[in-house]
Amino acid sequence: MDLTEWTYLLTFGYSLDVYAKGNQRVGVERSTGKVVISYTI
């Protein structure tokens, strides 16, 4: 997933990085680069 327009928010635990774009959030597993959770607030 291309995250160039996304803003880094936080790291949850030790391997899940959370990014935001507008009201969307995605959780990306650091070791694989795969989106494991996606939600809208």
PDB file of N, CA and C in Angstrom:
ATOM      1  N   MET A   1       0.839  -1.179   0.000  1.00  0.00           N
ATOM      2  CA  MET A   1       0.000   0.000   0.000  1.00  0.00           C
ATOM      3  C   MET A   1       0.882   1.239   0.000  1.00  0.00           C
ATOM      4  N   ASP A   2       0.560   2.179  -0.849  1.00  0.00           N
ATOM      5  CA  ASP A   2       1.308   3.432  -0.927  1.00  0.00           C
ATOM      6  C   ASP A   2       0.814   4.383   0.162  1.00  0.00           C
ATOM      7  N   LEU A   3       1.690   4.739   1.071  1.00  0.00           N
ATOM      8  CA  LEU A   3       1.307   5.589   2.201  1.00  0.00           C
ATOM      9  C   LEU A   3       1.877   7.000   2.100  1.00  0.00           C
ATOM     10  N   THR A   4       2.269   7.430   0.906  1.00  0.00           N
ATOM     11  CA  THR A   4       2.908   8.739   0.767  1.00  0.00           C
ATOM     12  C   THR A   4       1.999   9.894   1.164  1.00  0.00           C
ATOM     13  N   GLU A   5       0.698   9.771   0.986  1.00  0.00           N
ATOM     14  CA  GLU A   5      -0.229  10.847   1.347  1.00  0.00           C
ATOM     15  C   GLU A   5      -0.846  10.641   2.729  1.00  0.00           C
ATOM     16  N   TRP A   6      -0.443   9.596   3.421  1.00  0.00           N
ATOM     17  CA  TRP A   6      -0.987   9.280   4.737  1.00  0.00           C
ATOM     18  C   TRP A   6      -0.070   9.843   5.819  1.00  0.00           C
ATOM     19  N   THR A   7      -0.635  10.152   6.974  1.00  0.00           N
ATOM     20  CA  THR A   7       0.109  10.679   8.112  1.00  0.00           C
ATOM     21  C   THR A   7       0.271   9.584   9.158  1.00  0.00           C
ATOM     22  N   TYR A   8       1.508   9.402   9.608  1.00  0.00           N
ATOM     23  CA  TYR A   8       1.773   8.428  10.671  1.00  0.00           C
ATOM     24  C   TYR A   8       1.173   8.943  11.974  1.00  0.00           C
ATOM     25  N   LEU A   9       0.440   8.097  12.684  1.00  0.00           N
ATOM     26  CA  LEU A   9      -0.154   8.490  13.966  1.00  0.00           C
ATOM     27  C   LEU A   9       0.576   7.889  15.157  1.00  0.00           C
ATOM     28  N   LEU A  10       0.707   6.550  15.157  1.00  0.00           N
ATOM     29  CA  LEU A  10       1.287   5.896  16.326  1.00  0.00           C
ATOM     30  C   LEU A  10       1.644   4.461  16.001  1.00  0.00           C
ATOM     31  N   THR A  11       2.401   3.851  16.902  1.00  0.00           N
ATOM     32  CA  THR A  11       2.681   2.422  16.827  1.00  0.00           C
ATOM     33  C   THR A  11       1.948   1.756  17.975  1.00  0.00           C
ATOM     34  N   PHE A  12       1.120   0.779  17.641  1.00  0.00           N
ATOM     35  CA  PHE A  12       0.358   0.036  18.638  1.00  0.00           C
ATOM     36  C   PHE A  12       1.110  -1.251  18.920  1.00  0.00           C
ATOM     37  N   GLY A  13       1.441  -1.464  20.178  1.00  0.00           N
ATOM     38  CA  GLY A  13       2.260  -2.625  20.509  1.00  0.00           C
ATOM     39  C   GLY A  13       3.664  -2.403  19.981  1.00  0.00           C
ATOM     40  N   TYR A  14       4.213  -3.400  19.326  1.00  0.00           N
ATOM     41  CA  TYR A  14       5.553  -3.257  18.763  1.00  0.00           C
ATOM     42  C   TYR A  14       5.588  -3.464  17.259  1.00  0.00           C
ATOM     43  N   SER A  15       4.434  -3.795  16.636  1.00  0.00           N
ATOM     44  CA  SER A  15       4.512  -4.116  15.212  1.00  0.00           C
ATOM     45  C   SER A  15       3.362  -3.584  14.368  1.00  0.00           C
ATOM     46  N   LEU A  16       2.465  -2.780  14.937  1.00  0.00           N
ATOM     47  CA  LEU A  16       1.337  -2.272  14.169  1.00  0.00           C
ATOM     48  C   LEU A  16       1.420  -0.753  14.091  1.00  0.00           C
ATOM     49  N   ASP A  17       1.704  -0.237  12.912  1.00  0.00           N
ATOM     50  CA  ASP A  17       1.780   1.203  12.694  1.00  0.00           C
ATOM     51  C   ASP A  17       0.439   1.705  12.173  1.00  0.00           C
ATOM     52  N   VAL A  18      -0.077   2.770  12.779  1.00  0.00           N
ATOM     53  CA  VAL A  18      -1.371   3.323  12.407  1.00  0.00           C
ATOM     54  C   VAL A  18      -1.151   4.624  11.642  1.00  0.00           C
ATOM     55  N   TYR A  19      -1.818   4.723  10.485  1.00  0.00           N
ATOM     56  CA  TYR A  19      -1.720   5.896   9.622  1.00  0.00           C
ATOM     57  C   TYR A  19      -3.105   6.478   9.401  1.00  0.00           C
ATOM     58  N   ALA A  20      -3.163   7.793   9.113  1.00  0.00           N
ATOM     59  CA  ALA A  20      -4.441   8.478   8.910  1.00  0.00           C
ATOM     60  C   ALA A  20      -4.412   9.281   7.618  1.00  0.00           C
ATOM     61  N   LYS A  21      -5.594   9.350   6.994  1.00  0.00           N
ATOM     62  CA  LYS A  21      -5.806  10.211   5.831  1.00  0.00           C
ATOM     63  C   LYS A  21      -7.255  10.667   5.909  1.00  0.00           C
ATOM     64  N   GLY A  22      -7.451  11.939   6.259  1.00  0.00           N
ATOM     65  CA  GLY A  22      -8.809  12.420   6.484  1.00  0.00           C
ATOM     66  C   GLY A  22      -9.401  11.695   7.674  1.00  0.00           C
ATOM     67  N   ASN A  23     -10.567  11.086   7.484  1.00  0.00           N
ATOM     68  CA  ASN A  23     -11.196  10.352   8.585  1.00  0.00           C
ATOM     69  C   ASN A  23     -10.974   8.842   8.477  1.00  0.00           C
ATOM     70  N   GLN A  24     -10.072   8.422   7.605  1.00  0.00           N
ATOM     71  CA  GLN A  24      -9.752   7.002   7.459  1.00  0.00           C
ATOM     72  C   GLN A  24      -8.500   6.664   8.260  1.00  0.00           C
ATOM     73  N   ARG A  25      -8.478   5.465   8.804  1.00  0.00           N
ATOM     74  CA  ARG A  25      -7.324   4.958   9.539  1.00  0.00           C
ATOM     75  C   ARG A  25      -6.992   3.569   9.022  1.00  0.00           C
ATOM     76  N   VAL A  26      -5.708   3.268   8.936  1.00  0.00           N
ATOM     77  CA  VAL A  26      -5.273   1.924   8.574  1.00  0.00           C
ATOM     78  C   VAL A  26      -4.182   1.485   9.538  1.00  0.00           C
ATOM     79  N   GLY A  27      -4.197   0.205   9.856  1.00  0.00           N
ATOM     80  CA  GLY A  27      -3.155  -0.401  10.663  1.00  0.00           C
ATOM     81  C   GLY A  27      -2.321  -1.300   9.776  1.00  0.00           C
ATOM     82  N   VAL A  28      -1.029  -1.014   9.715  1.00  0.00           N
ATOM     83  CA  VAL A  28      -0.121  -1.752   8.837  1.00  0.00           C
ATOM     84  C   VAL A  28       0.851  -2.553   9.697  1.00  0.00           C
ATOM     85  N   GLU A  29       0.881  -3.858   9.450  1.00  0.00           N
ATOM     86  CA  GLU A  29       1.823  -4.714  10.169  1.00  0.00           C
ATOM     87  C   GLU A  29       3.228  -4.408   9.674  1.00  0.00           C
ATOM     88  N   ARG A  30       4.079  -4.006  10.583  1.00  0.00           N
ATOM     89  CA  ARG A  30       5.417  -3.539  10.229  1.00  0.00           C
ATOM     90  C   ARG A  30       6.251  -4.610   9.531  1.00  0.00           C
ATOM     91  N   SER A  31       6.165  -5.852   9.978  1.00  0.00           N
ATOM     92  CA  SER A  31       7.022  -6.906   9.429  1.00  0.00           C
ATOM     93  C   SER A  31       6.642  -7.322   8.014  1.00  0.00           C
ATOM     94  N   THR A  32       5.358  -7.207   7.647  1.00  0.00           N
ATOM     95  CA  THR A  32       4.922  -7.647   6.318  1.00  0.00           C
ATOM     96  C   THR A  32       4.500  -6.504   5.403  1.00  0.00           C
ATOM     97  N   GLY A  33       4.149  -5.351   5.984  1.00  0.00           N
ATOM     98  CA  GLY A  33       3.667  -4.232   5.183  1.00  0.00           C
ATOM     99  C   GLY A  33       2.213  -4.365   4.764  1.00  0.00           C
ATOM    100  N   LYS A  34       1.526  -5.369   5.301  1.00  0.00           N
ATOM    101  CA  LYS A  34       0.126  -5.599   4.937  1.00  0.00           C
ATOM    102  C   LYS A  34      -0.806  -4.805   5.845  1.00  0.00           C
ATOM    103  N   VAL A  35      -1.900  -4.315   5.255  1.00  0.00           N
ATOM    104  CA  VAL A  35      -2.942  -3.655   6.035  1.00  0.00           C
ATOM    105  C   VAL A  35      -3.741  -4.742   6.748  1.00  0.00           C
ATOM    106  N   VAL A  36      -3.763  -4.688   8.071  1.00  0.00           N
ATOM    107  CA  VAL A  36      -4.472  -5.703   8.840  1.00  0.00           C
ATOM    108  C   VAL A  36      -5.771  -5.173   9.432  1.00  0.00           C
ATOM    109  N   ILE A  37      -5.930  -3.852   9.464  1.00  0.00           N
ATOM    110  CA  ILE A  37      -7.181  -3.253   9.928  1.00  0.00           C
ATOM    111  C   ILE A  37      -7.364  -1.914   9.220  1.00  0.00           C
ATOM    112  N   SER A  38      -8.604  -1.616   8.897  1.00  0.00           N
ATOM    113  CA  SER A  38      -8.934  -0.355   8.245  1.00  0.00           C
ATOM    114  C   SER A  38     -10.289   0.097   8.769  1.00  0.00           C
ATOM    115  N   TYR A  39     -10.397   1.370   9.135  1.00  0.00           N
ATOM    116  CA  TYR A  39     -11.669   1.867   9.653  1.00  0.00           C
ATOM    117  C   TYR A  39     -11.815   3.357   9.394  1.00  0.00           C
ATOM    118  N   THR A  40     -13.044   3.830   9.501  1.00  0.00           N
ATOM    119  CA  THR A  40     -13.380   5.237   9.321  1.00  0.00           C
ATOM    120  C   THR A  40     -13.928   5.764  10.638  1.00  0.00           C
ATOM    121  N   ILE A  41     -13.480   6.972  11.006  1.00  0.00           N
ATOM    122  CA  ILE A  41     -13.997   7.565  12.244  1.00  0.00           C
ATOM    123  C   ILE A  41     -14.954   8.689  11.929  1.00  0.00           C
TER     124      ILE A  41
END
